[in-house]
Amino acid sequence: MHSTLIVARMAPDSSADVAQLFSAFDTTDMPHRMGTRRRQLFSYRGLYFHLQDFAEDNGDRLIQEARTDPRFVAISDDLKPFIEAYDPATWRSPADAMATRFYHWEAR
């Protein structure tokens, strides 16, 4: 399984709105199209963490392919009042907001 973690800033008290947007998005075929197996959203002191798990390591490629789908464009636009780049000066794409995993352990 491949995971990505997007880090951004989130408007205070907007977690319910963000969850509702993703709840509607996740009822479509978009998660399947992107290869998403699980999505988890977290917040901590004004920060937003979006953890996505993919069945395969090609999750980044599938997301890039889905970015032109009107539903992907719509949810990106709908999230703008609530989510902003962690560092707007350097953000060009979601890849600029992805955390780098530096340790991993799992039970065998």
PDB file of N, CA and C in Angstrom:
ATOM      1  N   MET A   1       0.848  -1.178   0.000  1.00  0.00           N
ATOM      2  CA  MET A   1       0.000   0.000   0.000  1.00  0.00           C
ATOM      3  C   MET A   1       0.893   1.241   0.000  1.00  0.00           C
ATOM      4  N   HIS A   2       0.495   2.248  -0.722  1.00  0.00           N
ATOM      5  CA  HIS A   2       1.209   3.519  -0.822  1.00  0.00           C
ATOM      6  C   HIS A   2       0.356   4.593  -0.150  1.00  0.00           C
ATOM      7  N   SER A   3       0.995   5.470   0.618  1.00  0.00           N
ATOM      8  CA  SER A   3       0.267   6.539   1.306  1.00  0.00           C
ATOM      9  C   SER A   3       0.857   7.892   0.943  1.00  0.00           C
ATOM     10  N   THR A   4      -0.001   8.908   0.926  1.00  0.00           N
ATOM     11  CA  THR A   4       0.452  10.286   0.802  1.00  0.00           C
ATOM     12  C   THR A   4      -0.186  11.091   1.925  1.00  0.00           C
ATOM     13  N   LEU A   5       0.536  12.112   2.364  1.00  0.00           N
ATOM     14  CA  LEU A   5       0.034  12.988   3.415  1.00  0.00           C
ATOM     15  C   LEU A   5       0.202  14.426   2.952  1.00  0.00           C
ATOM     16  N   ILE A   6      -0.914  15.102   2.752  1.00  0.00           N
ATOM     17  CA  ILE A   6      -0.908  16.511   2.359  1.00  0.00           C
ATOM     18  C   ILE A   6      -1.075  17.345   3.624  1.00  0.00           C
ATOM     19  N   VAL A   7      -0.246  18.370   3.756  1.00  0.00           N
ATOM     20  CA  VAL A   7      -0.292  19.275   4.902  1.00  0.00           C
ATOM     21  C   VAL A   7      -0.655  20.663   4.382  1.00  0.00           C
ATOM     22  N   ALA A   8      -1.628  21.290   5.016  1.00  0.00           N
ATOM     23  CA  ALA A   8      -2.057  22.632   4.622  1.00  0.00           C
ATOM     24  C   ALA A   8      -2.572  23.350   5.870  1.00  0.00           C
ATOM     25  N   ARG A   9      -3.079  24.538   5.658  1.00  0.00           N
ATOM     26  CA  ARG A   9      -3.702  25.300   6.746  1.00  0.00           C
ATOM     27  C   ARG A   9      -5.219  25.233   6.553  1.00  0.00           C
ATOM     28  N   MET A  10      -5.941  25.148   7.669  1.00  0.00           N
ATOM     29  CA  MET A  10      -7.391  25.028   7.599  1.00  0.00           C
ATOM     30  C   MET A  10      -8.038  26.119   8.436  1.00  0.00           C
ATOM     31  N   ALA A  11      -9.082  26.717   7.888  1.00  0.00           N
ATOM     32  CA  ALA A  11      -9.822  27.748   8.609  1.00  0.00           C
ATOM     33  C   ALA A  11     -10.420  27.147   9.883  1.00  0.00           C
ATOM     34  N   PRO A  12     -10.411  27.915  10.966  1.00  0.00           N
ATOM     35  CA  PRO A  12     -10.976  27.421  12.231  1.00  0.00           C
ATOM     36  C   PRO A  12     -12.436  27.003  12.055  1.00  0.00           C
ATOM     37  N   ASP A  13     -12.812  25.969  12.746  1.00  0.00           N
ATOM     38  CA  ASP A  13     -14.205  25.492  12.767  1.00  0.00           C
ATOM     39  C   ASP A  13     -14.746  25.100  11.401  1.00  0.00           C
ATOM     40  N   SER A  14     -13.887  24.690  10.479  1.00  0.00           N
ATOM     41  CA  SER A  14     -14.371  24.306   9.151  1.00  0.00           C
ATOM     42  C   SER A  14     -14.286  22.806   8.898  1.00  0.00           C
ATOM     43  N   SER A  15     -13.924  22.036   9.903  1.00  0.00           N
ATOM     44  CA  SER A  15     -13.748  20.597   9.681  1.00  0.00           C
ATOM     45  C   SER A  15     -15.040  19.925   9.212  1.00  0.00           C
ATOM     46  N   ALA A  16     -16.183  20.341   9.722  1.00  0.00           N
ATOM     47  CA  ALA A  16     -17.448  19.738   9.287  1.00  0.00           C
ATOM     48  C   ALA A  16     -17.720  20.041   7.818  1.00  0.00           C
ATOM     49  N   ASP A  17     -17.427  21.261   7.379  1.00  0.00           N
ATOM     50  CA  ASP A  17     -17.618  21.623   5.974  1.00  0.00           C
ATOM     51  C   ASP A  17     -16.698  20.813   5.062  1.00  0.00           C
ATOM     52  N   VAL A  18     -15.447  20.684   5.466  1.00  0.00           N
ATOM     53  CA  VAL A  18     -14.472  19.936   4.669  1.00  0.00           C
ATOM     54  C   VAL A  18     -14.875  18.463   4.619  1.00  0.00           C
ATOM     55  N   ALA A  19     -15.280  17.909   5.748  1.00  0.00           N
ATOM     56  CA  ALA A  19     -15.710  16.509   5.792  1.00  0.00           C
ATOM     57  C   ALA A  19     -16.923  16.284   4.891  1.00  0.00           C
ATOM     58  N   GLN A  20     -17.839  17.231   4.887  1.00  0.00           N
ATOM     59  CA  GLN A  20     -19.035  17.101   4.049  1.00  0.00           C
ATOM     60  C   GLN A  20     -18.662  17.109   2.562  1.00  0.00           C
ATOM     61  N   LEU A  21     -17.746  17.978   2.169  1.00  0.00           N
ATOM     62  CA  LEU A  21     -17.309  18.018   0.770  1.00  0.00           C
ATOM     63  C   LEU A  21     -16.679  16.690   0.352  1.00  0.00           C
ATOM     64  N   PHE A  22     -15.813  16.149   1.201  1.00  0.00           N
ATOM     65  CA  PHE A  22     -15.181  14.875   0.858  1.00  0.00           C
ATOM     66  C   PHE A  22     -16.169  13.717   0.932  1.00  0.00           C
ATOM     67  N   SER A  23     -17.123  13.781   1.834  1.00  0.00           N
ATOM     68  CA  SER A  23     -18.134  12.727   1.913  1.00  0.00           C
ATOM     69  C   SER A  23     -18.904  12.626   0.599  1.00  0.00           C
ATOM     70  N   ALA A  24     -19.294  13.764   0.041  1.00  0.00           N
ATOM     71  CA  ALA A  24     -19.998  13.761  -1.247  1.00  0.00           C
ATOM     72  C   ALA A  24     -19.076  13.291  -2.372  1.00  0.00           C
ATOM     73  N   PHE A  25     -17.838  13.762  -2.367  1.00  0.00           N
ATOM     74  CA  PHE A  25     -16.861  13.386  -3.392  1.00  0.00           C
ATOM     75  C   PHE A  25     -16.592  11.883  -3.366  1.00  0.00           C
ATOM     76  N   ASP A  26     -16.494  11.325  -2.169  1.00  0.00           N
ATOM     77  CA  ASP A  26     -16.146   9.914  -2.030  1.00  0.00           C
ATOM     78  C   ASP A  26     -17.291   8.965  -2.374  1.00  0.00           C
ATOM     79  N   THR A  27     -18.518   9.493  -2.563  1.00  0.00           N
ATOM     80  CA  THR A  27     -19.625   8.642  -3.008  1.00  0.00           C
ATOM     81  C   THR A  27     -19.635   8.487  -4.522  1.00  0.00           C
ATOM     82  N   THR A  28     -18.783   9.239  -5.228  1.00  0.00           N
ATOM     83  CA  THR A  28     -18.668   9.113  -6.676  1.00  0.00           C
ATOM     84  C   THR A  28     -17.635   8.026  -7.003  1.00  0.00           C
ATOM     85  N   ASP A  29     -17.369   7.843  -8.274  1.00  0.00           N
ATOM     86  CA  ASP A  29     -16.345   6.873  -8.675  1.00  0.00           C
ATOM     87  C   ASP A  29     -14.937   7.468  -8.656  1.00  0.00           C
ATOM     88  N   MET A  30     -14.812   8.724  -8.222  1.00  0.00           N
ATOM     89  CA  MET A  30     -13.493   9.370  -8.237  1.00  0.00           C
ATOM     90  C   MET A  30     -12.462   8.658  -7.362  1.00  0.00           C
ATOM     91  N   PRO A  31     -12.783   8.247  -6.139  1.00  0.00           N
ATOM     92  CA  PRO A  31     -11.753   7.534  -5.366  1.00  0.00           C
ATOM     93  C   PRO A  31     -11.245   6.289  -6.112  1.00  0.00           C
ATOM     94  N   HIS A  32     -12.163   5.547  -6.716  1.00  0.00           N
ATOM     95  CA  HIS A  32     -11.750   4.363  -7.474  1.00  0.00           C
ATOM     96  C   HIS A  32     -10.863   4.771  -8.658  1.00  0.00           C
ATOM     97  N   ARG A  33     -11.265   5.812  -9.355  1.00  0.00           N
ATOM     98  CA  ARG A  33     -10.492   6.287 -10.513  1.00  0.00           C
ATOM     99  C   ARG A  33      -9.070   6.701 -10.100  1.00  0.00           C
ATOM    100  N   MET A  34      -8.941   7.285  -8.919  1.00  0.00           N
ATOM    101  CA  MET A  34      -7.635   7.740  -8.438  1.00  0.00           C
ATOM    102  C   MET A  34      -6.869   6.626  -7.729  1.00  0.00           C
ATOM    103  N   GLY A  35      -7.512   5.483  -7.505  1.00  0.00           N
ATOM    104  CA  GLY A  35      -6.850   4.387  -6.811  1.00  0.00           C
ATOM    105  C   GLY A  35      -6.862   4.535  -5.299  1.00  0.00           C
ATOM    106  N   THR A  36      -7.676   5.447  -4.779  1.00  0.00           N
ATOM    107  CA  THR A  36      -7.743   5.676  -3.331  1.00  0.00           C
ATOM    108  C   THR A  36      -8.446   4.519  -2.650  1.00  0.00           C
ATOM    109  N   ARG A  37      -7.797   3.956  -1.644  1.00  0.00           N
ATOM    110  CA  ARG A  37      -8.391   2.880  -0.856  1.00  0.00           C
ATOM    111  C   ARG A  37      -8.947   3.398   0.461  1.00  0.00           C
ATOM    112  N   ARG A  38      -8.315   4.457   0.982  1.00  0.00           N
ATOM    113  CA  ARG A  38      -8.774   5.029   2.248  1.00  0.00           C
ATOM    114  C   ARG A  38      -8.339   6.485   2.301  1.00  0.00           C
ATOM    115  N   ARG A  39      -9.220   7.317   2.863  1.00  0.00           N
ATOM    116  CA  ARG A  39      -8.918   8.730   3.064  1.00  0.00           C
ATOM    117  C   ARG A  39      -9.193   9.055   4.532  1.00  0.00           C
ATOM    118  N   GLN A  40      -8.263   9.751   5.155  1.00  0.00           N
ATOM    119  CA  GLN A  40      -8.457  10.208   6.524  1.00  0.00           C
ATOM    120  C   GLN A  40      -8.057  11.678   6.593  1.00  0.00           C
ATOM    121  N   LEU A  41      -8.868  12.475   7.247  1.00  0.00           N
ATOM    122  CA  LEU A  41      -8.605  13.900   7.412  1.00  0.00           C
ATOM    123  C   LEU A  41      -8.389  14.189   8.889  1.00  0.00           C
ATOM    124  N   PHE A  42      -7.362  14.985   9.173  1.00  0.00           N
ATOM    125  CA  PHE A  42      -7.038  15.352  10.543  1.00  0.00           C
ATOM    126  C   PHE A  42      -6.822  16.854  10.621  1.00  0.00           C
ATOM    127  N   SER A  43      -7.048  17.410  11.791  1.00  0.00           N
ATOM    128  CA  SER A  43      -6.712  18.813  12.012  1.00  0.00           C
ATOM    129  C   SER A  43      -5.983  18.931  13.342  1.00  0.00           C
ATOM    130  N   TYR A  44      -5.109  19.922  13.399  1.00  0.00           N
ATOM    131  CA  TYR A  44      -4.381  20.193  14.634  1.00  0.00           C
ATOM    132  C   TYR A  44      -3.919  21.642  14.615  1.00  0.00           C
ATOM    133  N   ARG A  45      -4.481  22.433  15.518  1.00  0.00           N
ATOM    134  CA  ARG A  45      -4.078  23.831  15.698  1.00  0.00           C
ATOM    135  C   ARG A  45      -3.935  24.606  14.389  1.00  0.00           C
ATOM    136  N   GLY A  46      -4.983  24.558  13.596  1.00  0.00           N
ATOM    137  CA  GLY A  46      -4.999  25.317  12.356  1.00  0.00           C
ATOM    138  C   GLY A  46      -4.345  24.619  11.177  1.00  0.00           C
ATOM    139  N   LEU A  47      -3.857  23.412  11.396  1.00  0.00           N
ATOM    140  CA  LEU A  47      -3.261  22.648  10.303  1.00  0.00           C
ATOM    141  C   LEU A  47      -4.225  21.564   9.847  1.00  0.00           C
ATOM    142  N   TYR A  48      -4.120  21.201   8.600  1.00  0.00           N
ATOM    143  CA  TYR A  48      -4.959  20.203   7.948  1.00  0.00           C
ATOM    144  C   TYR A  48      -4.041  19.103   7.434  1.00  0.00           C
ATOM    145  N   PHE A  49      -4.413  17.869   7.727  1.00  0.00           N
ATOM    146  CA  PHE A  49      -3.644  16.714   7.279  1.00  0.00           C
ATOM    147  C   PHE A  49      -4.587  15.790   6.516  1.00  0.00           C
ATOM    148  N   HIS A  50      -4.234  15.496   5.290  1.00  0.00           N
ATOM    149  CA  HIS A  50      -5.059  14.673   4.414  1.00  0.00           C
ATOM    150  C   HIS A  50      -4.244  13.432   4.053  1.00  0.00           C
ATOM    151  N   LEU A  51      -4.586  12.322   4.698  1.00  0.00           N
ATOM    152  CA  LEU A  51      -3.881  11.063   4.492  1.00  0.00           C
ATOM    153  C   LEU A  51      -4.684  10.204   3.527  1.00  0.00           C
ATOM    154  N   GLN A  52      -4.038   9.810   2.427  1.00  0.00           N
ATOM    155  CA  GLN A  52      -4.677   8.948   1.439  1.00  0.00           C
ATOM    156  C   GLN A  52      -3.848   7.697   1.281  1.00  0.00           C
ATOM    157  N   ASP A  53      -4.520   6.561   1.272  1.00  0.00           N
ATOM    158  CA  ASP A  53      -3.868   5.286   1.036  1.00  0.00           C
ATOM    159  C   ASP A  53      -4.301   4.756  -0.324  1.00  0.00           C
ATOM    160  N   PHE A  54      -3.328   4.230  -1.036  1.00  0.00           N
ATOM    161  CA  PHE A  54      -3.549   3.693  -2.376  1.00  0.00           C
ATOM    162  C   PHE A  54      -3.132   2.229  -2.397  1.00  0.00           C
ATOM    163  N   ALA A  55      -3.800   1.441  -3.213  1.00  0.00           N
ATOM    164  CA  ALA A  55      -3.468   0.029  -3.321  1.00  0.00           C
ATOM    165  C   ALA A  55      -2.104  -0.166  -3.969  1.00  0.00           C
ATOM    166  N   GLU A  56      -1.726   0.768  -4.840  1.00  0.00           N
ATOM    167  CA  GLU A  56      -0.481   0.627  -5.596  1.00  0.00           C
ATOM    168  C   GLU A  56       0.350   1.887  -5.468  1.00  0.00           C
ATOM    169  N   ASP A  57       1.609   1.783  -5.817  1.00  0.00           N
ATOM    170  CA  ASP A  57       2.515   2.922  -5.758  1.00  0.00           C
ATOM    171  C   ASP A  57       2.267   3.951  -6.853  1.00  0.00           C
ATOM    172  N   ASN A  58       1.319   3.704  -7.746  1.00  0.00           N
ATOM    173  CA  ASN A  58       1.055   4.659  -8.823  1.00  0.00           C
ATOM    174  C   ASN A  58      -0.033   5.659  -8.471  1.00  0.00           C
ATOM    175  N   GLY A  59      -0.333   5.814  -7.181  1.00  0.00           N
ATOM    176  CA  GLY A  59      -1.375   6.743  -6.758  1.00  0.00           C
ATOM    177  C   GLY A  59      -1.126   8.161  -7.227  1.00  0.00           C
ATOM    178  N   ASP A  60       0.119   8.623  -7.190  1.00  0.00           N
ATOM    179  CA  ASP A  60       0.427   9.974  -7.646  1.00  0.00           C
ATOM    180  C   ASP A  60       0.101  10.137  -9.124  1.00  0.00           C
ATOM    181  N   ARG A  61       0.416   9.126  -9.916  1.00  0.00           N
ATOM    182  CA  ARG A  61       0.138   9.191 -11.359  1.00  0.00           C
ATOM    183  C   ARG A  61      -1.367   9.230 -11.607  1.00  0.00           C
ATOM    184  N   LEU A  62      -2.117   8.400 -10.904  1.00  0.00           N
ATOM    185  CA  LEU A  62      -3.564   8.370 -11.091  1.00  0.00           C
ATOM    186  C   LEU A  62      -4.203   9.688 -10.682  1.00  0.00           C
ATOM    187  N   ILE A  63      -3.723  10.293  -9.611  1.00  0.00           N
ATOM    188  CA  ILE A  63      -4.256  11.591  -9.199  1.00  0.00           C
ATOM    189  C   ILE A  63      -3.966  12.637 -10.263  1.00  0.00           C
ATOM    190  N   GLN A  64      -2.767  12.636 -10.808  1.00  0.00           N
ATOM    191  CA  GLN A  64      -2.422  13.592 -11.865  1.00  0.00           C
ATOM    192  C   GLN A  64      -3.366  13.436 -13.051  1.00  0.00           C
ATOM    193  N   GLU A  65      -3.693  12.201 -13.393  1.00  0.00           N
ATOM    194  CA  GLU A  65      -4.620  11.954 -14.499  1.00  0.00           C
ATOM    195  C   GLU A  65      -6.034  12.432 -14.173  1.00  0.00           C
ATOM    196  N   ALA A  66      -6.440  12.331 -12.915  1.00  0.00           N
ATOM    197  CA  ALA A  66      -7.797  12.720 -12.510  1.00  0.00           C
ATOM    198  C   ALA A  66      -7.963  14.222 -12.328  1.00  0.00           C
ATOM    199  N   ARG A  67      -6.864  14.958 -12.258  1.00  0.00           N
ATOM    200  CA  ARG A  67      -6.936  16.396 -11.937  1.00  0.00           C
ATOM    201  C   ARG A  67      -7.757  17.215 -12.924  1.00  0.00           C
ATOM    202  N   THR A  68      -7.944  16.739 -14.144  1.00  0.00           N
ATOM    203  CA  THR A  68      -8.730  17.488 -15.119  1.00  0.00           C
ATOM    204  C   THR A  68     -10.218  17.117 -15.088  1.00  0.00           C
ATOM    205  N   ASP A  69     -10.579  16.104 -14.327  1.00  0.00           N
ATOM    206  CA  ASP A  69     -11.984  15.719 -14.217  1.00  0.00           C
ATOM    207  C   ASP A  69     -12.752  16.862 -13.551  1.00  0.00           C
ATOM    208  N   PRO A  70     -13.907  17.229 -14.079  1.00  0.00           N
ATOM    209  CA  PRO A  70     -14.682  18.340 -13.492  1.00  0.00           C
ATOM    210  C   PRO A  70     -14.994  18.160 -12.004  1.00  0.00           C
ATOM    211  N   ARG A  71     -15.147  16.936 -11.538  1.00  0.00           N
ATOM    212  CA  ARG A  71     -15.427  16.698 -10.117  1.00  0.00           C
ATOM    213  C   ARG A  71     -14.205  16.997  -9.254  1.00  0.00           C
ATOM    214  N   PHE A  72     -13.022  16.685  -9.768  1.00  0.00           N
ATOM    215  CA  PHE A  72     -11.790  16.996  -9.041  1.00  0.00           C
ATOM    216  C   PHE A  72     -11.592  18.503  -8.996  1.00  0.00           C
ATOM    217  N   VAL A  73     -11.827  19.162 -10.136  1.00  0.00           N
ATOM    218  CA  VAL A  73     -11.713  20.620 -10.199  1.00  0.00           C
ATOM    219  C   VAL A  73     -12.718  21.261  -9.241  1.00  0.00           C
ATOM    220  N   ALA A  74     -13.938  20.720  -9.205  1.00  0.00           N
ATOM    221  CA  ALA A  74     -14.987  21.293  -8.350  1.00  0.00           C
ATOM    222  C   ALA A  74     -14.640  21.169  -6.874  1.00  0.00           C
ATOM    223  N   ILE A  75     -14.178  20.000  -6.432  1.00  0.00           N
ATOM    224  CA  ILE A  75     -13.875  19.870  -5.005  1.00  0.00           C
ATOM    225  C   ILE A  75     -12.678  20.750  -4.645  1.00  0.00           C
ATOM    226  N   SER A  76     -11.726  20.874  -5.543  1.00  0.00           N
ATOM    227  CA  SER A  76     -10.590  21.770  -5.285  1.00  0.00           C
ATOM    228  C   SER A  76     -11.074  23.198  -5.082  1.00  0.00           C
ATOM    229  N   ASP A  77     -11.992  23.642  -5.939  1.00  0.00           N
ATOM    230  CA  ASP A  77     -12.550  24.992  -5.806  1.00  0.00           C
ATOM    231  C   ASP A  77     -13.401  25.130  -4.538  1.00  0.00           C
ATOM    232  N   ASP A  78     -14.196  24.099  -4.242  1.00  0.00           N
ATOM    233  CA  ASP A  78     -15.064  24.143  -3.066  1.00  0.00           C
ATOM    234  C   ASP A  78     -14.274  24.179  -1.759  1.00  0.00           C
ATOM    235  N   LEU A  79     -13.062  23.619  -1.762  1.00  0.00           N
ATOM    236  CA  LEU A  79     -12.232  23.605  -0.563  1.00  0.00           C
ATOM    237  C   LEU A  79     -11.512  24.928  -0.316  1.00  0.00           C
ATOM    238  N   LYS A  80     -11.409  25.773  -1.328  1.00  0.00           N
ATOM    239  CA  LYS A  80     -10.621  27.011  -1.208  1.00  0.00           C
ATOM    240  C   LYS A  80     -11.028  27.916  -0.043  1.00  0.00           C
ATOM    241  N   PRO A  81     -12.314  28.043   0.301  1.00  0.00           N
ATOM    242  CA  PRO A  81     -12.642  28.895   1.456  1.00  0.00           C
ATOM    243  C   PRO A  81     -12.146  28.326   2.791  1.00  0.00           C
ATOM    244  N   PHE A  82     -11.819  27.034   2.809  1.00  0.00           N
ATOM    245  CA  PHE A  82     -11.476  26.367   4.054  1.00  0.00           C
ATOM    246  C   PHE A  82     -10.003  25.965   4.170  1.00  0.00           C
ATOM    247  N   ILE A  83      -9.390  25.637   3.039  1.00  0.00           N
ATOM    248  CA  ILE A  83      -8.027  25.094   3.037  1.00  0.00           C
ATOM    249  C   ILE A  83      -7.133  26.020   2.216  1.00  0.00           C
ATOM    250  N   GLU A  84      -5.966  26.338   2.764  1.00  0.00           N
ATOM    251  CA  GLU A  84      -4.996  27.113   1.992  1.00  0.00           C
ATOM    252  C   GLU A  84      -3.632  26.447   2.110  1.00  0.00           C
ATOM    253  N   ALA A  85      -2.796  26.697   1.142  1.00  0.00           N
ATOM    254  CA  ALA A  85      -1.467  26.096   1.128  1.00  0.00           C
ATOM    255  C   ALA A  85      -0.718  26.425   2.410  1.00  0.00           C
ATOM    256  N   TYR A  86       0.067  25.481   2.871  1.00  0.00           N
ATOM    257  CA  TYR A  86       0.890  25.720   4.050  1.00  0.00           C
ATOM    258  C   TYR A  86       1.840  26.878   3.797  1.00  0.00           C
ATOM    259  N   ASP A  87       2.439  26.904   2.617  1.00  0.00           N
ATOM    260  CA  ASP A  87       3.337  27.992   2.221  1.00  0.00           C
ATOM    261  C   ASP A  87       2.913  28.482   0.837  1.00  0.00           C
ATOM    262  N   PRO A  88       1.992  29.439   0.768  1.00  0.00           N
ATOM    263  CA  PRO A  88       1.479  29.898  -0.524  1.00  0.00           C
ATOM    264  C   PRO A  88       2.565  30.387  -1.484  1.00  0.00           C
ATOM    265  N   ALA A  89       3.677  30.862  -0.959  1.00  0.00           N
ATOM    266  CA  ALA A  89       4.735  31.388  -1.823  1.00  0.00           C
ATOM    267  C   ALA A  89       5.407  30.295  -2.645  1.00  0.00           C
ATOM    268  N   THR A  90       5.381  29.061  -2.153  1.00  0.00           N
ATOM    269  CA  THR A  90       6.071  27.987  -2.871  1.00  0.00           C
ATOM    270  C   THR A  90       5.121  26.951  -3.463  1.00  0.00           C
ATOM    271  N   TRP A  91       3.816  27.082  -3.223  1.00  0.00           N
ATOM    272  CA  TRP A  91       2.872  26.070  -3.681  1.00  0.00           C
ATOM    273  C   TRP A  91       2.571  26.241  -5.161  1.00  0.00           C
ATOM    274  N   ARG A  92       2.753  25.153  -5.908  1.00  0.00           N
ATOM    275  CA  ARG A  92       2.403  25.119  -7.323  1.00  0.00           C
ATOM    276  C   ARG A  92       1.428  23.989  -7.639  1.00  0.00           C
ATOM    277  N   SER A  93       1.507  22.917  -6.860  1.00  0.00           N
ATOM    278  CA  SER A  93       0.630  21.764  -7.060  1.00  0.00           C
ATOM    279  C   SER A  93       0.524  21.001  -5.737  1.00  0.00           C
ATOM    280  N   PRO A  94      -0.409  20.041  -5.635  1.00  0.00           N
ATOM    281  CA  PRO A  94      -0.507  19.264  -4.398  1.00  0.00           C
ATOM    282  C   PRO A  94       0.808  18.596  -3.996  1.00  0.00           C
ATOM    283  N   ALA A  95       1.648  18.297  -4.953  1.00  0.00           N
ATOM    284  CA  ALA A  95       2.936  17.679  -4.629  1.00  0.00           C
ATOM    285  C   ALA A  95       3.783  18.584  -3.730  1.00  0.00           C
ATOM    286  N   ASP A  96       3.588  19.890  -3.815  1.00  0.00           N
ATOM    287  CA  ASP A  96       4.340  20.830  -2.986  1.00  0.00           C
ATOM    288  C   ASP A  96       3.859  20.845  -1.537  1.00  0.00           C
ATOM    289  N   ALA A  97       2.745  20.166  -1.267  1.00  0.00           N
ATOM    290  CA  ALA A  97       2.194  20.130   0.084  1.00  0.00           C
ATOM    291  C   ALA A  97       2.310  18.752   0.720  1.00  0.00           C
ATOM    292  N   MET A  98       2.973  17.827   0.037  1.00  0.00           N
ATOM    293  CA  MET A  98       3.061  16.462   0.543  1.00  0.00           C
ATOM    294  C   MET A  98       4.230  16.299   1.500  1.00  0.00           C
ATOM    295  N   ALA A  99       3.912  15.724   2.634  1.00  0.00           N
ATOM    296  CA  ALA A  99       4.944  15.437   3.625  1.00  0.00           C
ATOM    297  C   ALA A  99       5.824  14.298   3.117  1.00  0.00           C
ATOM    298  N   THR A 100       7.045  14.275   3.591  1.00  0.00           N
ATOM    299  CA  THR A 100       7.991  13.221   3.232  1.00  0.00           C
ATOM    300  C   THR A 100       8.101  12.236   4.388  1.00  0.00           C
ATOM    301  N   ARG A 101       7.788  10.991   4.103  1.00  0.00           N
ATOM    302  CA  ARG A 101       7.914   9.977   5.154  1.00  0.00           C
ATOM    303  C   ARG A 101       9.392   9.687   5.375  1.00  0.00           C
ATOM    304  N   PHE A 102       9.813   9.710   6.613  1.00  0.00           N
ATOM    305  CA  PHE A 102      11.214   9.440   6.909  1.00  0.00           C
ATOM    306  C   PHE A 102      11.397   8.222   7.815  1.00  0.00           C
ATOM    307  N   TYR A 103      10.285   7.564   8.192  1.00  0.00           N
ATOM    308  CA  TYR A 103      10.370   6.331   8.971  1.00  0.00           C
ATOM    309  C   TYR A 103       9.088   5.552   8.758  1.00  0.00           C
ATOM    310  N   HIS A 104       9.206   4.252   8.709  1.00  0.00           N
ATOM    311  CA  HIS A 104       8.033   3.408   8.543  1.00  0.00           C
ATOM    312  C   HIS A 104       8.278   2.088   9.262  1.00  0.00           C
ATOM    313  N   TRP A 105       7.264   1.597   9.952  1.00  0.00           N
ATOM    314  CA  TRP A 105       7.298   0.295  10.588  1.00  0.00           C
ATOM    315  C   TRP A 105       5.936  -0.321  10.435  1.00  0.00           C
ATOM    316  N   GLU A 106       5.883  -1.631  10.248  1.00  0.00           N
ATOM    317  CA  GLU A 106       4.603  -2.323  10.278  1.00  0.00           C
ATOM    318  C   GLU A 106       4.811  -3.738  10.809  1.00  0.00           C
ATOM    319  N   ALA A 107       3.787  -4.239  11.447  1.00  0.00           N
ATOM    320  CA  ALA A 107       3.842  -5.587  11.991  1.00  0.00           C
ATOM    321  C   ALA A 107       3.823  -6.593  10.842  1.00  0.00           C
ATOM    322  N   ARG A 108       4.539  -7.658  11.033  1.00  0.00           N
ATOM    323  CA  ARG A 108       4.580  -8.704   9.990  1.00  0.00           C
ATOM    324  C   ARG A 108       3.959  -9.963  10.504  1.00  0.00           C
TER     325      ARG A 108
END
